[in-house]
Amino acid sequence: MKPVNRLTEADVTPESVFNMQRRQVLKTLGLSAAALGVSGVAQADVLDWFKGNDRPPAPSGKPLDFTKPDKYQADLPLTPLDKVSGYNNFYEFGLDKADPAANAGTLKTDNWQLTIDGEVAKPLTLSMDDIFKRFAMEQRIYRMRCVEAWSMVIPWVGFELGKLLKAAEPTSNARFVAFQTLYAPDQMPGQKDRFIGGGLDYPYVEGLRLDEAMHPLTLLSTGVYGKALPPQNGAPIRLTVPWKYGFKGIKSIVKITLVRDQPPTTWNQIADNEYGFYANVNPHVDHPRWSQATERFIGPGGVLKVERQPTLLFNGYGEEVASLYRGLDLRRNY
């Protein structure tokens, strides 16, 4: 894997851009206080929820046992933990980048269970303890590229999704893998209130082709920076597919289903001309509202100097994954 260029200063998107993106999402979805039927009192209640200080803080992650395979310890400038955990998208907890860190302490991960079913010979239901006992954890340093044209480099801890799928023994009918996030409106305010959650249909769903899911780069991540995932990053288990845009990395997974036909995915259902099923990072295929040719890298520096770097095809993992798409029109199948 070729290293990205080091930056002398990292670029963090200004708050004004956060707010613009939120307004654009709501506008795209045709949402407003009036459209949602939000009265002045109800709207005030929603805003008060964000301003309040009575929400529980996110628990600190417990240290994990893991190895560090040499081939996955990329020599790249890492994004600091406070930015990984403080700057992300998790609309179940609000639309701004800082909302998940502020609000995700309401997520309860005790007694978590992950179900694997569908076109498999051996359906499974596993607790997180089961997962840690059955699968050895590894640290892997991966690039992460958001569809919004910002990027990070993150030391994930996790295990290959393919190992879990093999344990369930996919049948010959299995061609795709569907994922589902926890649905718990009492814990995730964005699922309860469309104003907070951007008008998405919940629970959040995602999908991969079976060969993509079985690829050794595809992880189920359980930690970051050596500790269990914080809630805002998708605790206790999330998907990490480093050659795809970040919205494919579904968080807080409770169900994995192997299916015959391409499954629906949340953002593709909202705007299929903007968020394709494949979502492979591609500098030659622009988002309808912005270029994907370059990206803002959020690294260890400050915010005073804004610099960009070229976007890499398949996010720099082309040698490993390009063969998956041989003969596929990447512009049409974006």
C-alpha atoms as a PDB file:
ATOM      1  CA  MET A   1       0.000   0.000   0.000  1.00  0.00           C
ATOM      2  CA  LYS A   2       1.425   3.378  -0.981  1.00  0.00           C
ATOM      3  CA  PRO A   3       1.487   5.965   1.813  1.00  0.00           C
ATOM      4  CA  VAL A   4      -0.427   9.191   1.445  1.00  0.00           C
ATOM      5  CA  ASN A   5       1.509  12.455   1.411  1.00  0.00           C
ATOM      6  CA  ARG A   6       2.173  13.897   4.859  1.00  0.00           C
ATOM      7  CA  LEU A   7       0.546  17.230   5.578  1.00  0.00           C
ATOM      8  CA  THR A   8       2.116  20.012   7.577  1.00  0.00           C
ATOM      9  CA  GLU A   9      -1.321  21.034   8.827  1.00  0.00           C
ATOM     10  CA  ALA A  10      -4.543  19.044   8.946  1.00  0.00           C
ATOM     11  CA  ASP A  11      -7.764  20.534   7.725  1.00  0.00           C
ATOM     12  CA  VAL A  12     -10.861  20.236   9.870  1.00  0.00           C
ATOM     13  CA  THR A  13     -14.044  21.394   8.204  1.00  0.00           C
ATOM     14  CA  PRO A  14     -15.270  24.691   9.717  1.00  0.00           C
ATOM     15  CA  GLU A  15     -18.512  24.770  11.726  1.00  0.00           C
ATOM     16  CA  SER A  16     -20.120  26.849   8.993  1.00  0.00           C
ATOM     17  CA  VAL A  17     -19.634  23.968   6.556  1.00  0.00           C
ATOM     18  CA  PHE A  18     -21.159  21.510   9.046  1.00  0.00           C
ATOM     19  CA  ASN A  19     -24.271  23.636   9.206  1.00  0.00           C
ATOM     20  CA  MET A  20     -24.403  24.045   5.438  1.00  0.00           C
ATOM     21  CA  GLN A  21     -24.245  20.275   4.991  1.00  0.00           C
ATOM     22  CA  ARG A  22     -27.027  19.758   7.506  1.00  0.00           C
ATOM     23  CA  ARG A  23     -29.242  22.316   5.822  1.00  0.00           C
ATOM     24  CA  GLN A  24     -28.505  20.735   2.429  1.00  0.00           C
ATOM     25  CA  VAL A  25     -29.521  17.286   3.678  1.00  0.00           C
ATOM     26  CA  LEU A  26     -32.769  18.623   5.087  1.00  0.00           C
ATOM     27  CA  LYS A  27     -33.426  20.593   1.906  1.00  0.00           C
ATOM     28  CA  THR A  28     -32.700  17.556  -0.264  1.00  0.00           C
ATOM     29  CA  LEU A  29     -35.141  15.498   1.775  1.00  0.00           C
ATOM     30  CA  GLY A  30     -37.762  18.239   1.640  1.00  0.00           C
ATOM     31  CA  LEU A  31     -37.646  18.589   5.408  1.00  0.00           C
ATOM     32  CA  SER A  32     -38.299  21.668   7.472  1.00  0.00           C
ATOM     33  CA  ALA A  33     -39.988  22.368  10.768  1.00  0.00           C
ATOM     34  CA  ALA A  34     -43.230  22.964   8.881  1.00  0.00           C
ATOM     35  CA  ALA A  35     -42.848  19.911   6.640  1.00  0.00           C
ATOM     36  CA  LEU A  36     -42.196  17.711   9.635  1.00  0.00           C
ATOM     37  CA  GLY A  37     -45.184  19.105  11.459  1.00  0.00           C
ATOM     38  CA  VAL A  38     -42.921  20.434  14.189  1.00  0.00           C
ATOM     39  CA  SER A  39     -44.689  23.089  16.190  1.00  0.00           C
ATOM     40  CA  GLY A  40     -42.805  25.971  17.803  1.00  0.00           C
ATOM     41  CA  VAL A  41     -43.015  24.200  21.158  1.00  0.00           C
ATOM     42  CA  ALA A  42     -41.941  20.832  19.751  1.00  0.00           C
ATOM     43  CA  GLN A  43     -39.061  22.403  17.867  1.00  0.00           C
ATOM     44  CA  ALA A  44     -37.912  24.117  21.037  1.00  0.00           C
ATOM     45  CA  ASP A  45     -37.984  20.766  22.823  1.00  0.00           C
ATOM     46  CA  VAL A  46     -35.761  19.256  20.135  1.00  0.00           C
ATOM     47  CA  LEU A  47     -33.249  22.092  20.398  1.00  0.00           C
ATOM     48  CA  ASP A  48     -33.321  21.938  24.185  1.00  0.00           C
ATOM     49  CA  TRP A  49     -32.346  18.262  23.962  1.00  0.00           C
ATOM     50  CA  PHE A  50     -29.108  19.267  22.269  1.00  0.00           C
ATOM     51  CA  LYS A  51     -28.416  22.122  24.662  1.00  0.00           C
ATOM     52  CA  GLY A  52     -29.046  20.138  27.827  1.00  0.00           C
ATOM     53  CA  ASN A  53     -26.314  18.711  30.013  1.00  0.00           C
ATOM     54  CA  ASP A  54     -28.253  15.823  31.543  1.00  0.00           C
ATOM     55  CA  ARG A  55     -27.208  13.200  29.009  1.00  0.00           C
ATOM     56  CA  PRO A  56     -24.781  10.564  30.281  1.00  0.00           C
ATOM     57  CA  PRO A  57     -21.197  10.898  29.064  1.00  0.00           C
ATOM     58  CA  ALA A  58     -19.877   8.255  26.706  1.00  0.00           C
ATOM     59  CA  PRO A  59     -18.011   5.587  28.689  1.00  0.00           C
ATOM     60  CA  SER A  60     -14.288   5.241  28.124  1.00  0.00           C
ATOM     61  CA  GLY A  61     -13.368   2.166  26.129  1.00  0.00           C
ATOM     62  CA  LYS A  62     -11.793  -0.836  27.815  1.00  0.00           C
ATOM     63  CA  PRO A  63      -8.335  -1.917  26.600  1.00  0.00           C
ATOM     64  CA  LEU A  64      -8.467  -4.813  24.115  1.00  0.00           C
ATOM     65  CA  ASP A  65      -6.124  -7.726  23.492  1.00  0.00           C
ATOM     66  CA  PHE A  66      -4.885  -7.717  19.908  1.00  0.00           C
ATOM     67  CA  THR A  67      -1.953  -8.375  17.642  1.00  0.00           C
ATOM     68  CA  LYS A  68      -0.346  -6.020  15.127  1.00  0.00           C
ATOM     69  CA  PRO A  69       0.310  -7.855  11.842  1.00  0.00           C
ATOM     70  CA  ASP A  70       3.169  -6.053  10.110  1.00  0.00           C
ATOM     71  CA  LYS A  71       1.484  -5.845   6.728  1.00  0.00           C
ATOM     72  CA  TYR A  72      -1.383  -3.799   8.168  1.00  0.00           C
ATOM     73  CA  GLN A  73       0.700  -1.298  10.163  1.00  0.00           C
ATOM     74  CA  ALA A  74       0.832   1.296   7.408  1.00  0.00           C
ATOM     75  CA  ASP A  75       3.405   4.078   7.767  1.00  0.00           C
ATOM     76  CA  LEU A  76       0.863   6.889   7.616  1.00  0.00           C
ATOM     77  CA  PRO A  77       0.259   9.985   9.773  1.00  0.00           C
ATOM     78  CA  LEU A  78      -2.567   8.994  12.139  1.00  0.00           C
ATOM     79  CA  THR A  79      -5.636  11.048  12.896  1.00  0.00           C
ATOM     80  CA  PRO A  80      -5.564  11.740  16.667  1.00  0.00           C
ATOM     81  CA  LEU A  81      -8.074   9.899  18.824  1.00  0.00           C
ATOM     82  CA  ASP A  82      -9.886  13.063  19.876  1.00  0.00           C
ATOM     83  CA  LYS A  83     -10.661  13.803  16.231  1.00  0.00           C
ATOM     84  CA  VAL A  84     -11.606  10.204  15.399  1.00  0.00           C
ATOM     85  CA  SER A  85     -14.027  10.167  18.325  1.00  0.00           C
ATOM     86  CA  GLY A  86     -15.121  13.797  18.094  1.00  0.00           C
ATOM     87  CA  TYR A  87     -15.665  14.351  14.377  1.00  0.00           C
ATOM     88  CA  ASN A  88     -17.966  11.871  12.703  1.00  0.00           C
ATOM     89  CA  ASN A  89     -21.359  11.138  11.214  1.00  0.00           C
ATOM     90  CA  PHE A  90     -23.863   9.112  13.212  1.00  0.00           C
ATOM     91  CA  TYR A  91     -27.241  10.702  12.459  1.00  0.00           C
ATOM     92  CA  GLU A  92     -28.947   8.618  15.108  1.00  0.00           C
ATOM     93  CA  PHE A  93     -27.371  11.122  17.524  1.00  0.00           C
ATOM     94  CA  GLY A  94     -27.614  14.329  15.480  1.00  0.00           C
ATOM     95  CA  LEU A  95     -26.527  15.900  12.218  1.00  0.00           C
ATOM     96  CA  ASP A  96     -23.445  17.907  13.160  1.00  0.00           C
ATOM     97  CA  LYS A  97     -20.039  16.261  13.363  1.00  0.00           C
ATOM     98  CA  ALA A  98     -19.781  16.962  17.107  1.00  0.00           C
ATOM     99  CA  ASP A  99     -23.264  15.680  17.981  1.00  0.00           C
ATOM    100  CA  PRO A 100     -22.433  11.954  18.268  1.00  0.00           C
ATOM    101  CA  ALA A 101     -19.663  12.568  20.812  1.00  0.00           C
ATOM    102  CA  ALA A 102     -21.981  14.791  22.835  1.00  0.00           C
ATOM    103  CA  ASN A 103     -25.062  12.595  22.666  1.00  0.00           C
ATOM    104  CA  ALA A 104     -24.134   8.934  22.187  1.00  0.00           C
ATOM    105  CA  GLY A 105     -23.656   8.241  25.884  1.00  0.00           C
ATOM    106  CA  THR A 106     -27.302   7.137  25.884  1.00  0.00           C
ATOM    107  CA  LEU A 107     -26.371   4.037  23.844  1.00  0.00           C
ATOM    108  CA  LYS A 108     -26.442   0.866  25.951  1.00  0.00           C
ATOM    109  CA  THR A 109     -24.108  -1.897  24.800  1.00  0.00           C
ATOM    110  CA  ASP A 110     -24.397  -4.338  27.703  1.00  0.00           C
ATOM    111  CA  ASN A 111     -25.781  -7.750  26.691  1.00  0.00           C
ATOM    112  CA  TRP A 112     -25.303  -6.919  23.004  1.00  0.00           C
ATOM    113  CA  GLN A 113     -26.117  -9.675  20.548  1.00  0.00           C
ATOM    114  CA  LEU A 114     -25.221 -10.041  16.887  1.00  0.00           C
ATOM    115  CA  THR A 115     -27.340 -12.343  14.718  1.00  0.00           C
ATOM    116  CA  ILE A 116     -26.144 -13.928  11.472  1.00  0.00           C
ATOM    117  CA  ASP A 117     -28.936 -15.513   9.448  1.00  0.00           C
ATOM    118  CA  GLY A 118     -30.465 -15.858   5.979  1.00  0.00           C
ATOM    119  CA  GLU A 119     -28.795 -18.015   3.354  1.00  0.00           C
ATOM    120  CA  VAL A 120     -26.529 -19.841   5.807  1.00  0.00           C
ATOM    121  CA  ALA A 121     -26.352 -23.441   6.988  1.00  0.00           C
ATOM    122  CA  LYS A 122     -25.541 -22.470  10.580  1.00  0.00           C
ATOM    123  CA  PRO A 123     -27.340 -19.348  11.807  1.00  0.00           C
ATOM    124  CA  LEU A 124     -25.574 -17.740  14.751  1.00  0.00           C
ATOM    125  CA  THR A 125     -26.420 -15.426  17.610  1.00  0.00           C
ATOM    126  CA  LEU A 126     -23.305 -14.221  19.394  1.00  0.00           C
ATOM    127  CA  SER A 127     -22.663 -11.997  22.379  1.00  0.00           C
ATOM    128  CA  MET A 128     -19.642  -9.736  22.345  1.00  0.00           C
ATOM    129  CA  ASP A 129     -17.970 -12.131  24.790  1.00  0.00           C
ATOM    130  CA  ASP A 130     -18.575 -14.934  22.270  1.00  0.00           C
ATOM    131  CA  ILE A 131     -17.010 -12.829  19.527  1.00  0.00           C
ATOM    132  CA  PHE A 132     -13.883 -12.025  21.528  1.00  0.00           C
ATOM    133  CA  LYS A 133     -13.469 -15.698  22.444  1.00  0.00           C
ATOM    134  CA  ARG A 134     -13.949 -17.007  18.901  1.00  0.00           C
ATOM    135  CA  PHE A 135     -12.046 -14.422  16.869  1.00  0.00           C
ATOM    136  CA  ALA A 136      -8.570 -13.024  17.470  1.00  0.00           C
ATOM    137  CA  MET A 137      -8.414  -9.241  17.273  1.00  0.00           C
ATOM    138  CA  GLU A 138      -5.880  -7.384  15.124  1.00  0.00           C
ATOM    139  CA  GLN A 139      -4.900  -3.762  14.821  1.00  0.00           C
ATOM    140  CA  ARG A 140      -5.058  -2.484  11.266  1.00  0.00           C
ATOM    141  CA  ILE A 141      -4.181   1.037  10.212  1.00  0.00           C
ATOM    142  CA  TYR A 142      -6.551   1.991   7.413  1.00  0.00           C
ATOM    143  CA  ARG A 143      -7.331   5.113   5.465  1.00  0.00           C
ATOM    144  CA  MET A 144     -10.937   6.262   5.855  1.00  0.00           C
ATOM    145  CA  ARG A 145     -12.491   8.459   3.161  1.00  0.00           C
ATOM    146  CA  CYS A 146     -15.850  10.155   3.732  1.00  0.00           C
ATOM    147  CA  VAL A 147     -18.093  10.848   0.746  1.00  0.00           C
ATOM    148  CA  GLU A 148     -18.061  14.474   1.923  1.00  0.00           C
ATOM    149  CA  ALA A 149     -14.412  14.697   0.745  1.00  0.00           C
ATOM    150  CA  TRP A 150     -12.629  14.553   4.083  1.00  0.00           C
ATOM    151  CA  SER A 151     -10.421  11.714   5.232  1.00  0.00           C
ATOM    152  CA  MET A 152      -8.679  10.195   8.232  1.00  0.00           C
ATOM    153  CA  VAL A 153      -6.143   7.459   8.990  1.00  0.00           C
ATOM    154  CA  ILE A 154      -7.373   5.245  11.830  1.00  0.00           C
ATOM    155  CA  PRO A 155      -5.879   2.341  13.798  1.00  0.00           C
ATOM    156  CA  TRP A 156      -8.892   0.034  14.024  1.00  0.00           C
ATOM    157  CA  VAL A 157      -8.996  -3.110  16.132  1.00  0.00           C
ATOM    158  CA  GLY A 158     -11.143  -5.928  14.792  1.00  0.00           C
ATOM    159  CA  PHE A 159     -11.302  -9.157  12.830  1.00  0.00           C
ATOM    160  CA  GLU A 160     -12.091 -10.203   9.290  1.00  0.00           C
ATOM    161  CA  LEU A 161     -15.795 -10.303   8.518  1.00  0.00           C
ATOM    162  CA  GLY A 162     -15.107 -13.270   6.255  1.00  0.00           C
ATOM    163  CA  LYS A 163     -14.145 -15.413   9.259  1.00  0.00           C
ATOM    164  CA  LEU A 164     -17.525 -14.804  10.846  1.00  0.00           C
ATOM    165  CA  LEU A 165     -19.376 -15.520   7.605  1.00  0.00           C
ATOM    166  CA  LYS A 166     -17.454 -18.760   7.102  1.00  0.00           C
ATOM    167  CA  ALA A 167     -18.508 -19.865  10.584  1.00  0.00           C
ATOM    168  CA  ALA A 168     -22.143 -19.467   9.512  1.00  0.00           C
ATOM    169  CA  GLU A 169     -21.493 -21.462   6.307  1.00  0.00           C
ATOM    170  CA  PRO A 170     -23.076 -19.458   3.465  1.00  0.00           C
ATOM    171  CA  THR A 171     -25.208 -21.523   1.104  1.00  0.00           C
ATOM    172  CA  SER A 172     -24.875 -21.500  -2.668  1.00  0.00           C
ATOM    173  CA  ASN A 173     -27.775 -19.026  -2.787  1.00  0.00           C
ATOM    174  CA  ALA A 174     -25.886 -16.338  -0.856  1.00  0.00           C
ATOM    175  CA  ARG A 175     -24.744 -13.514  -3.138  1.00  0.00           C
ATOM    176  CA  PHE A 176     -25.012 -10.408  -0.927  1.00  0.00           C
ATOM    177  CA  VAL A 177     -24.659  -9.512   2.732  1.00  0.00           C
ATOM    178  CA  ALA A 178     -27.140  -7.150   4.420  1.00  0.00           C
ATOM    179  CA  PHE A 179     -26.408  -5.294   7.672  1.00  0.00           C
ATOM    180  CA  GLN A 180     -28.705  -3.617  10.171  1.00  0.00           C
ATOM    181  CA  THR A 181     -28.023  -1.123  12.960  1.00  0.00           C
ATOM    182  CA  LEU A 182     -29.675  -1.312  16.368  1.00  0.00           C
ATOM    183  CA  TYR A 183     -33.170   0.153  16.389  1.00  0.00           C
ATOM    184  CA  ALA A 184     -33.728   1.758  19.795  1.00  0.00           C
ATOM    185  CA  PRO A 185     -35.461   5.155  19.629  1.00  0.00           C
ATOM    186  CA  ASP A 186     -35.280   5.480  23.415  1.00  0.00           C
ATOM    187  CA  GLN A 187     -31.465   5.429  23.125  1.00  0.00           C
ATOM    188  CA  MET A 188     -31.022   7.015  19.707  1.00  0.00           C
ATOM    189  CA  PRO A 189     -32.926  10.323  19.483  1.00  0.00           C
ATOM    190  CA  GLY A 190     -32.455  10.581  15.725  1.00  0.00           C
ATOM    191  CA  GLN A 191     -34.537   7.437  15.287  1.00  0.00           C
ATOM    192  CA  LYS A 192     -37.335   8.974  17.303  1.00  0.00           C
ATOM    193  CA  ASP A 193     -37.356  12.466  15.811  1.00  0.00           C
ATOM    194  CA  ARG A 194     -36.910  13.101  12.086  1.00  0.00           C
ATOM    195  CA  PHE A 195     -35.657  16.631  12.769  1.00  0.00           C
ATOM    196  CA  ILE A 196     -32.712  15.282  14.752  1.00  0.00           C
ATOM    197  CA  GLY A 197     -32.106  12.256  12.523  1.00  0.00           C
ATOM    198  CA  GLY A 198     -32.102  13.978   9.145  1.00  0.00           C
ATOM    199  CA  GLY A 199     -35.296  12.334   7.942  1.00  0.00           C
ATOM    200  CA  LEU A 200     -33.664   8.970   7.313  1.00  0.00           C
ATOM    201  CA  ASP A 201     -35.647   5.767   7.548  1.00  0.00           C
ATOM    202  CA  TYR A 202     -34.399   3.745  10.494  1.00  0.00           C
ATOM    203  CA  PRO A 203     -32.922   1.353  11.342  1.00  0.00           C
ATOM    204  CA  TYR A 204     -29.910   2.160   9.174  1.00  0.00           C
ATOM    205  CA  VAL A 205     -29.163  -0.616   6.673  1.00  0.00           C
ATOM    206  CA  GLU A 206     -26.200  -1.362   4.428  1.00  0.00           C
ATOM    207  CA  GLY A 207     -24.982  -4.093   2.111  1.00  0.00           C
ATOM    208  CA  LEU A 208     -22.040  -5.624   0.290  1.00  0.00           C
ATOM    209  CA  ARG A 209     -21.576  -8.231  -2.380  1.00  0.00           C
ATOM    210  CA  LEU A 210     -20.530 -11.512  -0.808  1.00  0.00           C
ATOM    211  CA  ASP A 211     -17.062 -11.392  -2.386  1.00  0.00           C
ATOM    212  CA  GLU A 212     -16.537  -7.876  -0.985  1.00  0.00           C
ATOM    213  CA  ALA A 213     -17.625  -9.036   2.454  1.00  0.00           C
ATOM    214  CA  MET A 214     -15.279 -12.034   2.289  1.00  0.00           C
ATOM    215  CA  HIS A 215     -12.278  -9.946   1.239  1.00  0.00           C
ATOM    216  CA  PRO A 216      -9.540 -10.020   3.904  1.00  0.00           C
ATOM    217  CA  LEU A 217      -9.438  -6.200   4.123  1.00  0.00           C
ATOM    218  CA  THR A 218     -13.093  -6.075   5.253  1.00  0.00           C
ATOM    219  CA  LEU A 219     -13.290  -5.858   9.037  1.00  0.00           C
ATOM    220  CA  LEU A 220     -15.804  -5.998  11.795  1.00  0.00           C
ATOM    221  CA  SER A 221     -14.217  -3.405  14.054  1.00  0.00           C
ATOM    222  CA  THR A 222     -14.572  -3.617  17.833  1.00  0.00           C
ATOM    223  CA  GLY A 223     -12.064  -0.956  18.843  1.00  0.00           C
ATOM    224  CA  VAL A 224      -9.948   2.030  17.930  1.00  0.00           C
ATOM    225  CA  TYR A 225      -6.588   3.115  19.306  1.00  0.00           C
ATOM    226  CA  GLY A 226      -6.370  -0.131  21.277  1.00  0.00           C
ATOM    227  CA  LYS A 227      -9.603   0.314  23.231  1.00  0.00           C
ATOM    228  CA  ALA A 228     -13.215  -0.723  22.714  1.00  0.00           C
ATOM    229  CA  LEU A 229     -15.149   1.512  20.338  1.00  0.00           C
ATOM    230  CA  PRO A 230     -16.762   4.557  21.926  1.00  0.00           C
ATOM    231  CA  PRO A 231     -20.511   4.805  21.243  1.00  0.00           C
ATOM    232  CA  GLN A 232     -20.100   7.648  18.755  1.00  0.00           C
ATOM    233  CA  ASN A 233     -17.870   5.442  16.596  1.00  0.00           C
ATOM    234  CA  GLY A 234     -20.359   2.587  16.438  1.00  0.00           C
ATOM    235  CA  ALA A 235     -19.939   0.579  19.639  1.00  0.00           C
ATOM    236  CA  PRO A 236     -19.700  -2.255  20.190  1.00  0.00           C
ATOM    237  CA  ILE A 237     -19.188  -3.509  16.610  1.00  0.00           C
ATOM    238  CA  ARG A 238     -19.180  -1.825  13.212  1.00  0.00           C
ATOM    239  CA  LEU A 239     -18.198  -2.476   9.612  1.00  0.00           C
ATOM    240  CA  THR A 240     -14.943  -1.123   8.144  1.00  0.00           C
ATOM    241  CA  VAL A 241     -14.387  -1.367   4.373  1.00  0.00           C
ATOM    242  CA  PRO A 242     -11.374   0.843   3.658  1.00  0.00           C
ATOM    243  CA  TRP A 243     -11.743   1.151  -0.129  1.00  0.00           C
ATOM    244  CA  LYS A 244     -15.325   2.428   0.109  1.00  0.00           C
ATOM    245  CA  TYR A 245     -16.810   5.733   1.251  1.00  0.00           C
ATOM    246  CA  GLY A 246     -17.421   5.992   4.962  1.00  0.00           C
ATOM    247  CA  PHE A 247     -21.214   5.739   4.863  1.00  0.00           C
ATOM    248  CA  LYS A 248     -20.789   2.053   3.978  1.00  0.00           C
ATOM    249  CA  GLY A 249     -19.253   1.548   7.445  1.00  0.00           C
ATOM    250  CA  ILE A 250     -22.496   0.817   9.260  1.00  0.00           C
ATOM    251  CA  LYS A 251     -22.270   1.265  13.038  1.00  0.00           C
ATOM    252  CA  SER A 252     -23.681  -0.588  16.064  1.00  0.00           C
ATOM    253  CA  ILE A 253     -24.598  -3.692  14.074  1.00  0.00           C
ATOM    254  CA  VAL A 254     -27.155  -6.139  15.469  1.00  0.00           C
ATOM    255  CA  LYS A 255     -27.949  -8.224  12.397  1.00  0.00           C
ATOM    256  CA  ILE A 256     -26.118  -9.632   9.370  1.00  0.00           C
ATOM    257  CA  THR A 257     -28.240 -11.456   6.791  1.00  0.00           C
ATOM    258  CA  LEU A 258     -26.970 -13.302   3.732  1.00  0.00           C
ATOM    259  CA  VAL A 259     -29.367 -12.874   0.808  1.00  0.00           C
ATOM    260  CA  ARG A 260     -29.776 -13.724  -2.873  1.00  0.00           C
ATOM    261  CA  ASP A 261     -30.588 -10.228  -4.171  1.00  0.00           C
ATOM    262  CA  GLN A 262     -28.932  -6.858  -3.701  1.00  0.00           C
ATOM    263  CA  PRO A 263     -30.263  -5.465  -0.417  1.00  0.00           C
ATOM    264  CA  PRO A 264     -31.556  -1.927   0.117  1.00  0.00           C
ATOM    265  CA  THR A 265     -29.130   0.532   1.694  1.00  0.00           C
ATOM    266  CA  THR A 266     -30.113   3.667   3.580  1.00  0.00           C
ATOM    267  CA  TRP A 267     -28.411   6.443   1.610  1.00  0.00           C
ATOM    268  CA  ASN A 268     -28.965   4.758  -1.739  1.00  0.00           C
ATOM    269  CA  GLN A 269     -32.706   4.744  -1.041  1.00  0.00           C
ATOM    270  CA  ILE A 270     -32.606   8.456  -0.155  1.00  0.00           C
ATOM    271  CA  ALA A 271     -30.683   9.577  -3.274  1.00  0.00           C
ATOM    272  CA  ASP A 272     -29.489   6.829  -5.600  1.00  0.00           C
ATOM    273  CA  ASN A 273     -27.843   9.346  -7.949  1.00  0.00           C
ATOM    274  CA  GLU A 274     -25.589  10.546  -5.117  1.00  0.00           C
ATOM    275  CA  TYR A 275     -24.891   7.457  -3.005  1.00  0.00           C
ATOM    276  CA  GLY A 276     -24.412   4.328  -5.059  1.00  0.00           C
ATOM    277  CA  PHE A 277     -24.571   0.779  -3.735  1.00  0.00           C
ATOM    278  CA  TYR A 278     -20.887   0.153  -4.463  1.00  0.00           C
ATOM    279  CA  ALA A 279     -19.600   3.483  -3.102  1.00  0.00           C
ATOM    280  CA  ASN A 280     -16.012   2.730  -4.117  1.00  0.00           C
ATOM    281  CA  VAL A 281     -13.713   5.705  -3.567  1.00  0.00           C
ATOM    282  CA  ASN A 282     -13.103   7.104  -7.048  1.00  0.00           C
ATOM    283  CA  PRO A 283     -11.515  10.476  -7.856  1.00  0.00           C
ATOM    284  CA  HIS A 284     -12.956  10.295 -11.394  1.00  0.00           C
ATOM    285  CA  VAL A 285     -16.622  10.092 -10.336  1.00  0.00           C
ATOM    286  CA  ASP A 286     -17.814  13.284  -8.657  1.00  0.00           C
ATOM    287  CA  HIS A 287     -20.663  13.648  -6.224  1.00  0.00           C
ATOM    288  CA  PRO A 288     -23.373  15.732  -7.944  1.00  0.00           C
ATOM    289  CA  ARG A 289     -22.619  18.640  -5.602  1.00  0.00           C
ATOM    290  CA  TRP A 290     -18.818  18.480  -5.248  1.00  0.00           C
ATOM    291  CA  SER A 291     -15.650  17.076  -6.752  1.00  0.00           C
ATOM    292  CA  GLN A 292     -14.119  13.857  -5.427  1.00  0.00           C
ATOM    293  CA  ALA A 293     -10.728  14.515  -7.039  1.00  0.00           C
ATOM    294  CA  THR A 294      -9.193  15.776  -3.786  1.00  0.00           C
ATOM    295  CA  GLU A 295      -9.860  15.409  -0.066  1.00  0.00           C
ATOM    296  CA  ARG A 296      -9.245  17.251   3.218  1.00  0.00           C
ATOM    297  CA  PHE A 297      -7.094  15.085   5.462  1.00  0.00           C
ATOM    298  CA  ILE A 298      -7.841  15.401   9.176  1.00  0.00           C
ATOM    299  CA  GLY A 299      -4.514  14.639  10.774  1.00  0.00           C
ATOM    300  CA  PRO A 300      -2.374  15.599  13.770  1.00  0.00           C
ATOM    301  CA  GLY A 301      -2.016  19.291  12.904  1.00  0.00           C
ATOM    302  CA  GLY A 302      -4.186  22.303  13.577  1.00  0.00           C
ATOM    303  CA  VAL A 303      -6.813  24.113  11.519  1.00  0.00           C
ATOM    304  CA  LEU A 304      -5.064  27.344  10.581  1.00  0.00           C
ATOM    305  CA  LYS A 305      -3.725  26.127   7.261  1.00  0.00           C
ATOM    306  CA  VAL A 306      -6.071  24.370   4.852  1.00  0.00           C
ATOM    307  CA  GLU A 307      -4.468  21.825   2.545  1.00  0.00           C
ATOM    308  CA  ARG A 308      -5.851  19.130   0.309  1.00  0.00           C
ATOM    309  CA  GLN A 309      -4.418  15.930  -1.090  1.00  0.00           C
ATOM    310  CA  PRO A 310      -5.347  13.856  -4.149  1.00  0.00           C
ATOM    311  CA  THR A 311      -8.022  11.221  -3.723  1.00  0.00           C
ATOM    312  CA  LEU A 312      -6.699   7.739  -4.483  1.00  0.00           C
ATOM    313  CA  LEU A 313      -8.698   5.264  -6.560  1.00  0.00           C
ATOM    314  CA  PHE A 314     -10.122   2.630  -4.208  1.00  0.00           C
ATOM    315  CA  ASN A 315      -8.693   4.860  -1.459  1.00  0.00           C
ATOM    316  CA  GLY A 316      -5.242   3.471  -2.208  1.00  0.00           C
ATOM    317  CA  TYR A 317      -6.204  -0.201  -1.976  1.00  0.00           C
ATOM    318  CA  GLY A 318      -6.450  -0.871  -5.706  1.00  0.00           C
ATOM    319  CA  GLU A 319      -3.782  -3.585  -5.750  1.00  0.00           C
ATOM    320  CA  GLU A 320      -5.830  -5.586  -3.273  1.00  0.00           C
ATOM    321  CA  VAL A 321      -9.396  -5.003  -4.496  1.00  0.00           C
ATOM    322  CA  ALA A 322      -9.464  -3.882  -8.151  1.00  0.00           C
ATOM    323  CA  SER A 323      -9.876  -7.485  -9.293  1.00  0.00           C
ATOM    324  CA  LEU A 324     -13.284  -7.576  -7.583  1.00  0.00           C
ATOM    325  CA  TYR A 325     -14.584  -5.149 -10.195  1.00  0.00           C
ATOM    326  CA  ARG A 326     -12.943  -6.443 -13.368  1.00  0.00           C
ATOM    327  CA  GLY A 327     -15.305  -5.746 -16.260  1.00  0.00           C
ATOM    328  CA  LEU A 328     -17.587  -3.528 -14.141  1.00  0.00           C
ATOM    329  CA  ASP A 329     -18.238   0.030 -15.299  1.00  0.00           C
ATOM    330  CA  LEU A 330     -17.146   1.975 -12.211  1.00  0.00           C
ATOM    331  CA  ARG A 331     -18.776   5.162 -13.424  1.00  0.00           C
ATOM    332  CA  ARG A 332     -22.176   3.541 -13.889  1.00  0.00           C
ATOM    333  CA  ASN A 333     -21.770   1.278 -10.852  1.00  0.00           C
ATOM    334  CA  TYR A 334     -20.561   4.016  -8.511  1.00  0.00           C
END
